C-alpha atoms as a PDB file:
ATOM      1  CA  MET A   1      52.620 -11.723 -29.511  1.00  0.00           C
ATOM      2  CA  ARG A   2      55.886 -12.177 -27.691  1.00  0.00           C
ATOM      3  CA  ALA A   3      57.958  -9.201 -26.548  1.00  0.00           C
ATOM      4  CA  ARG A   4      61.307  -8.938 -28.313  1.00  0.00           C
ATOM      5  CA  ASN A   5      64.214  -6.983 -26.893  1.00  0.00           C
ATOM      6  CA  GLY A   6      67.083  -5.763 -28.989  1.00  0.00           C
ATOM      7  CA  PRO A   7      68.013  -2.735 -31.240  1.00  0.00           C
ATOM      8  CA  ASP A   8      64.672  -3.069 -33.230  1.00  0.00           C
ATOM      9  CA  HIS A   9      62.479  -3.379 -30.095  1.00  0.00           C
ATOM     10  CA  PRO A  10      64.177  -1.555 -27.134  1.00  0.00           C
ATOM     11  CA  GLU A  11      62.764  -1.796 -23.683  1.00  0.00           C
ATOM     12  CA  ARG A  12      61.627   1.539 -22.157  1.00  0.00           C
ATOM     13  CA  VAL A  13      61.704   2.156 -18.431  1.00  0.00           C
ATOM     14  CA  ILE A  14      59.686   4.871 -16.775  1.00  0.00           C
ATOM     15  CA  GLU A  15      60.500   5.898 -13.227  1.00  0.00           C
ATOM     16  CA  GLY A  16      57.957   7.243 -10.765  1.00  0.00           C
ATOM     17  CA  LEU A  17      56.095   5.956  -7.792  1.00  0.00           C
ATOM     18  CA  MET A  18      56.925   2.559  -9.118  1.00  0.00           C
ATOM     19  CA  ARG A  19      59.033   1.500 -12.133  1.00  0.00           C
ATOM     20  CA  MET A  20      57.198   0.665 -15.322  1.00  0.00           C
ATOM     21  CA  HIS A  21      58.733  -1.532 -18.149  1.00  0.00           C
ATOM     22  CA  LEU A  22      57.462  -1.238 -21.662  1.00  0.00           C
ATOM     23  CA  HIS A  23      58.285  -4.204 -23.823  1.00  0.00           C
ATOM     24  CA  CYS A  24      56.474  -3.860 -27.286  1.00  0.00           C
ATOM     25  CA  GLU A  25      52.792  -4.146 -26.296  1.00  0.00           C
ATOM     26  CA  ARG A  26      53.423  -5.555 -22.698  1.00  0.00           C
ATOM     27  CA  VAL A  27      53.593  -3.406 -19.537  1.00  0.00           C
ATOM     28  CA  SER A  28      55.218  -4.775 -16.280  1.00  0.00           C
ATOM     29  CA  PHE A  29      55.426  -2.938 -13.002  1.00  0.00           C
ATOM     30  CA  GLU A  30      58.045  -3.129 -10.198  1.00  0.00           C
ATOM     31  CA  ILE A  31      56.046  -2.438  -7.188  1.00  0.00           C
ATOM     32  CA  PRO A  32      58.131  -1.409  -4.111  1.00  0.00           C
ATOM     33  CA  SER A  33      57.412  -3.545  -1.006  1.00  0.00           C
ATOM     34  CA  VAL A  34      56.371  -0.450   0.958  1.00  0.00           C
ATOM     35  CA  LEU A  35      53.444  -0.008  -1.468  1.00  0.00           C
ATOM     36  CA  MET A  36      52.044  -3.530  -0.982  1.00  0.00           C
ATOM     37  CA  GLY A  37      48.862  -3.537   1.138  1.00  0.00           C
ATOM     38  CA  ARG A  38      48.601   0.331   1.262  1.00  0.00           C
ATOM     39  CA  ASP A  39      45.568   2.189  -0.035  1.00  0.00           C
ATOM     40  CA  MET A  40      46.266   4.399  -3.001  1.00  0.00           C
ATOM     41  CA  LEU A  41      44.082   6.978  -4.705  1.00  0.00           C
ATOM     42  CA  LEU A  42      44.132   6.414  -8.555  1.00  0.00           C
ATOM     43  CA  ASN A  43      42.941   9.247 -10.735  1.00  0.00           C
ATOM     44  CA  THR A  44      42.354   8.837 -14.458  1.00  0.00           C
ATOM     45  CA  GLU A  45      42.520  12.050 -16.443  1.00  0.00           C
ATOM     46  CA  PHE A  46      41.869  13.009 -19.965  1.00  0.00           C
ATOM     47  CA  ALA A  47      45.182  13.763 -21.788  1.00  0.00           C
ATOM     48  CA  GLY A  48      43.596  14.987 -25.059  1.00  0.00           C
ATOM     49  CA  LEU A  49      40.242  14.967 -26.775  1.00  0.00           C
ATOM     50  CA  SER A  50      38.812  14.852 -30.311  1.00  0.00           C
ATOM     51  CA  ALA A  51      37.606  18.041 -31.765  1.00  0.00           C
ATOM     52  CA  GLY A  52      33.915  19.303 -30.852  1.00  0.00           C
ATOM     53  CA  SER A  53      33.878  18.265 -27.224  1.00  0.00           C
ATOM     54  CA  ASP A  54      32.166  20.838 -24.990  1.00  0.00           C
ATOM     55  CA  TYR A  55      31.722  18.699 -21.899  1.00  0.00           C
ATOM     56  CA  VAL A  56      35.240  17.654 -20.933  1.00  0.00           C
ATOM     57  CA  ALA A  57      38.685  19.163 -21.282  1.00  0.00           C
ATOM     58  CA  PRO A  58      42.213  17.785 -21.159  1.00  0.00           C
ATOM     59  CA  GLY A  59      43.317  17.355 -17.491  1.00  0.00           C
ATOM     60  CA  MET A  60      39.731  16.745 -16.180  1.00  0.00           C
ATOM     61  CA  VAL A  61      39.323  13.754 -13.872  1.00  0.00           C
ATOM     62  CA  ALA A  62      37.594  10.882 -15.765  1.00  0.00           C
ATOM     63  CA  ASP A  63      37.596   8.392 -12.774  1.00  0.00           C
ATOM     64  CA  SER A  64      38.803   8.271  -9.187  1.00  0.00           C
ATOM     65  CA  ARG A  65      39.153   5.037  -7.104  1.00  0.00           C
ATOM     66  CA  VAL A  66      40.919   3.681  -4.179  1.00  0.00           C
ATOM     67  CA  VAL A  67      43.123   0.635  -5.012  1.00  0.00           C
ATOM     68  CA  ARG A  68      45.466  -1.694  -3.056  1.00  0.00           C
ATOM     69  CA  TRP A  69      48.267  -4.026  -4.436  1.00  0.00           C
ATOM     70  CA  VAL A  70      48.070  -7.427  -2.681  1.00  0.00           C
ATOM     71  CA  HIS A  71      49.957 -10.711  -2.823  1.00  0.00           C
ATOM     72  CA  ARG A  72      47.813 -13.817  -3.470  1.00  0.00           C
ATOM     73  CA  GLY A  73      50.152 -16.807  -3.605  1.00  0.00           C
ATOM     74  CA  ALA A  74      52.802 -16.119  -6.293  1.00  0.00           C
ATOM     75  CA  ARG A  75      50.759 -13.438  -7.933  1.00  0.00           C
ATOM     76  CA  VAL A  76      50.151  -9.653  -7.352  1.00  0.00           C
ATOM     77  CA  HIS A  77      46.603  -8.398  -7.713  1.00  0.00           C
ATOM     78  CA  LEU A  78      45.244  -4.838  -7.810  1.00  0.00           C
ATOM     79  CA  GLU A  79      42.042  -4.555  -5.791  1.00  0.00           C
ATOM     80  CA  THR A  80      39.518  -1.767  -5.940  1.00  0.00           C
ATOM     81  CA  LEU A  81      38.235  -0.692  -2.475  1.00  0.00           C
ATOM     82  CA  SER A  82      34.913   0.937  -1.493  1.00  0.00           C
ATOM     83  CA  TYR A  83      34.302   2.991   1.550  1.00  0.00           C
ATOM     84  CA  GLU A  84      30.547   3.583   1.040  1.00  0.00           C
ATOM     85  CA  MET A  85      28.274   3.854   4.043  1.00  0.00           C
ATOM     86  CA  ARG A  86      24.625   2.750   3.876  1.00  0.00           C
ATOM     87  CA  VAL A  87      21.681   3.520   6.073  1.00  0.00           C
ATOM     88  CA  ASP A  88      18.787   1.134   6.734  1.00  0.00           C
ATOM     89  CA  ARG A  89      15.723   2.757   5.114  1.00  0.00           C
ATOM     90  CA  SER A  90      13.389   1.534   7.744  1.00  0.00           C
ATOM     91  CA  ARG A  91      15.109   3.855  10.400  1.00  0.00           C
ATOM     92  CA  GLY A  92      15.242   6.752   7.963  1.00  0.00           C
ATOM     93  CA  LEU A  93      17.895   9.314   8.135  1.00  0.00           C
ATOM     94  CA  ARG A  94      17.053  10.537  11.671  1.00  0.00           C
ATOM     95  CA  GLU A  95      19.479   7.942  13.258  1.00  0.00           C
ATOM     96  CA  ARG A  96      23.194   7.724  12.492  1.00  0.00           C
ATOM     97  CA  PRO A  97      24.610   4.421  11.149  1.00  0.00           C
ATOM     98  CA  SER A  98      25.796   2.121  14.000  1.00  0.00           C
ATOM     99  CA  GLN A  99      29.634   1.816  14.592  1.00  0.00           C
ATOM    100  CA  ALA A 100      31.320  -1.414  13.466  1.00  0.00           C
ATOM    101  CA  GLN A 101      32.292  -3.460  16.468  1.00  0.00           C
END
Protein backbone atom coordinates (compact mmCIF):
# COMPACT_ATOMS: atom_id res chain seq x y z
CA MET A 1 0.00 0.00 0.00
CA ARG A 2 1.40 3.40 -0.96
CA ALA A 3 1.41 6.22 1.55
CA ARG A 4 -0.85 9.12 0.64
CA ASN A 5 -0.40 12.60 2.03
CA GLY A 6 -3.13 15.18 2.00
CA PRO A 7 -6.10 16.22 4.09
CA ASP A 8 -7.45 12.64 4.35
CA HIS A 9 -4.02 11.11 5.17
CA PRO A 10 -1.90 13.66 7.07
CA GLU A 11 1.71 12.96 7.97
CA ARG A 12 2.53 12.92 11.68
CA VAL A 13 5.99 13.94 12.90
CA ILE A 14 7.16 12.92 16.38
CA GLU A 15 10.21 14.69 17.81
CA GLY A 16 12.62 13.01 20.22
CA LEU A 17 16.12 11.56 20.09
CA MET A 18 15.45 11.32 16.36
CA ARG A 19 12.57 12.58 14.23
CA MET A 20 9.95 9.96 13.29
CA HIS A 21 7.58 10.42 10.34
CA LEU A 22 4.34 8.41 10.21
CA HIS A 23 2.80 8.12 6.72
CA CYS A 24 -0.30 5.88 6.90
CA GLU A 25 1.27 2.48 7.71
CA ARG A 26 4.91 3.49 6.99
CA VAL A 27 7.43 4.75 9.55
CA SER A 28 10.54 6.73 8.54
CA PHE A 29 13.32 7.95 10.81
CA GLU A 30 15.58 10.99 10.49
CA ILE A 31 18.73 9.86 12.28
CA PRO A 32 21.11 12.69 13.26
CA SER A 33 24.69 12.14 12.05
CA VAL A 34 25.96 12.27 15.66
CA LEU A 35 24.02 9.04 16.40
CA MET A 36 25.51 7.07 13.48
CA GLY A 37 27.98 4.45 14.69
CA ARG A 38 27.23 5.04 18.39
CA ASP A 39 26.07 2.30 20.75
CA MET A 40 22.56 2.87 22.09
CA LEU A 41 20.61 0.98 24.76
CA LEU A 42 17.14 0.13 23.44
CA ASN A 43 14.47 -0.87 25.99
CA THR A 44 11.06 -2.22 25.03
CA GLU A 45 8.36 -1.79 27.68
CA PHE A 46 4.78 -2.98 28.00
CA ALA A 47 2.42 -0.03 27.46
CA GLY A 48 -0.71 -1.93 28.44
CA LEU A 49 -1.90 -5.48 28.98
CA SER A 50 -4.99 -7.55 28.54
CA ALA A 51 -6.98 -8.38 31.64
CA GLY A 52 -5.90 -11.26 33.84
CA SER A 53 -2.12 -10.96 33.62
CA ASP A 54 -0.38 -11.54 36.96
CA TYR A 55 3.18 -11.78 35.62
CA VAL A 56 3.79 -8.42 33.95
CA ALA A 57 2.57 -4.86 34.44
CA PRO A 58 2.55 -1.75 32.24
CA GLY A 59 5.99 -0.13 32.30
CA MET A 60 7.90 -3.38 32.84
CA VAL A 61 10.86 -3.93 30.51
CA ALA A 62 10.11 -6.66 27.97
CA ASP A 63 13.50 -6.56 26.21
CA SER A 64 16.80 -4.68 26.42
CA ARG A 65 19.48 -4.67 23.75
CA VAL A 66 22.41 -2.60 22.55
CA VAL A 67 22.02 -1.36 18.96
CA ARG A 68 24.00 0.78 16.50
CA TRP A 69 22.90 2.64 13.33
CA VAL A 70 25.44 2.03 10.51
CA HIS A 71 25.81 3.08 6.87
CA ARG A 72 26.20 0.30 4.30
CA GLY A 73 26.41 1.83 0.86
CA ALA A 74 23.33 3.97 0.31
CA ARG A 75 21.35 2.26 3.09
CA VAL A 76 21.23 2.60 6.87
CA HIS A 77 21.03 -0.55 9.00
CA LEU A 78 20.26 -1.15 12.67
CA GLU A 79 22.70 -3.71 14.13
CA THR A 80 22.20 -5.57 17.40
CA LEU A 81 25.43 -5.82 19.42
CA SER A 82 26.50 -8.39 22.00
CA TYR A 83 29.04 -7.94 24.77
CA GLU A 84 29.01 -11.49 26.10
CA MET A 85 32.11 -13.10 27.62
CA ARG A 86 32.72 -16.81 27.41
CA VAL A 87 35.12 -18.97 29.37
CA ASP A 88 36.82 -22.08 28.01
CA ARG A 89 35.24 -24.95 30.02
CA SER A 90 38.49 -26.95 30.01
CA ARG A 91 40.14 -24.26 32.16
CA GLY A 92 37.16 -23.99 34.44
CA LEU A 93 36.27 -20.84 36.30
CA ARG A 94 39.56 -20.70 38.24
CA GLU A 95 41.26 -18.64 35.52
CA ARG A 96 40.03 -15.31 34.23
CA PRO A 97 39.37 -14.89 30.48
CA SER A 98 42.42 -13.66 28.59
CA GLN A 99 42.51 -10.04 27.40
CA ALA A 100 41.97 -9.40 23.68
CA GLN A 101 45.17 -8.22 22.02
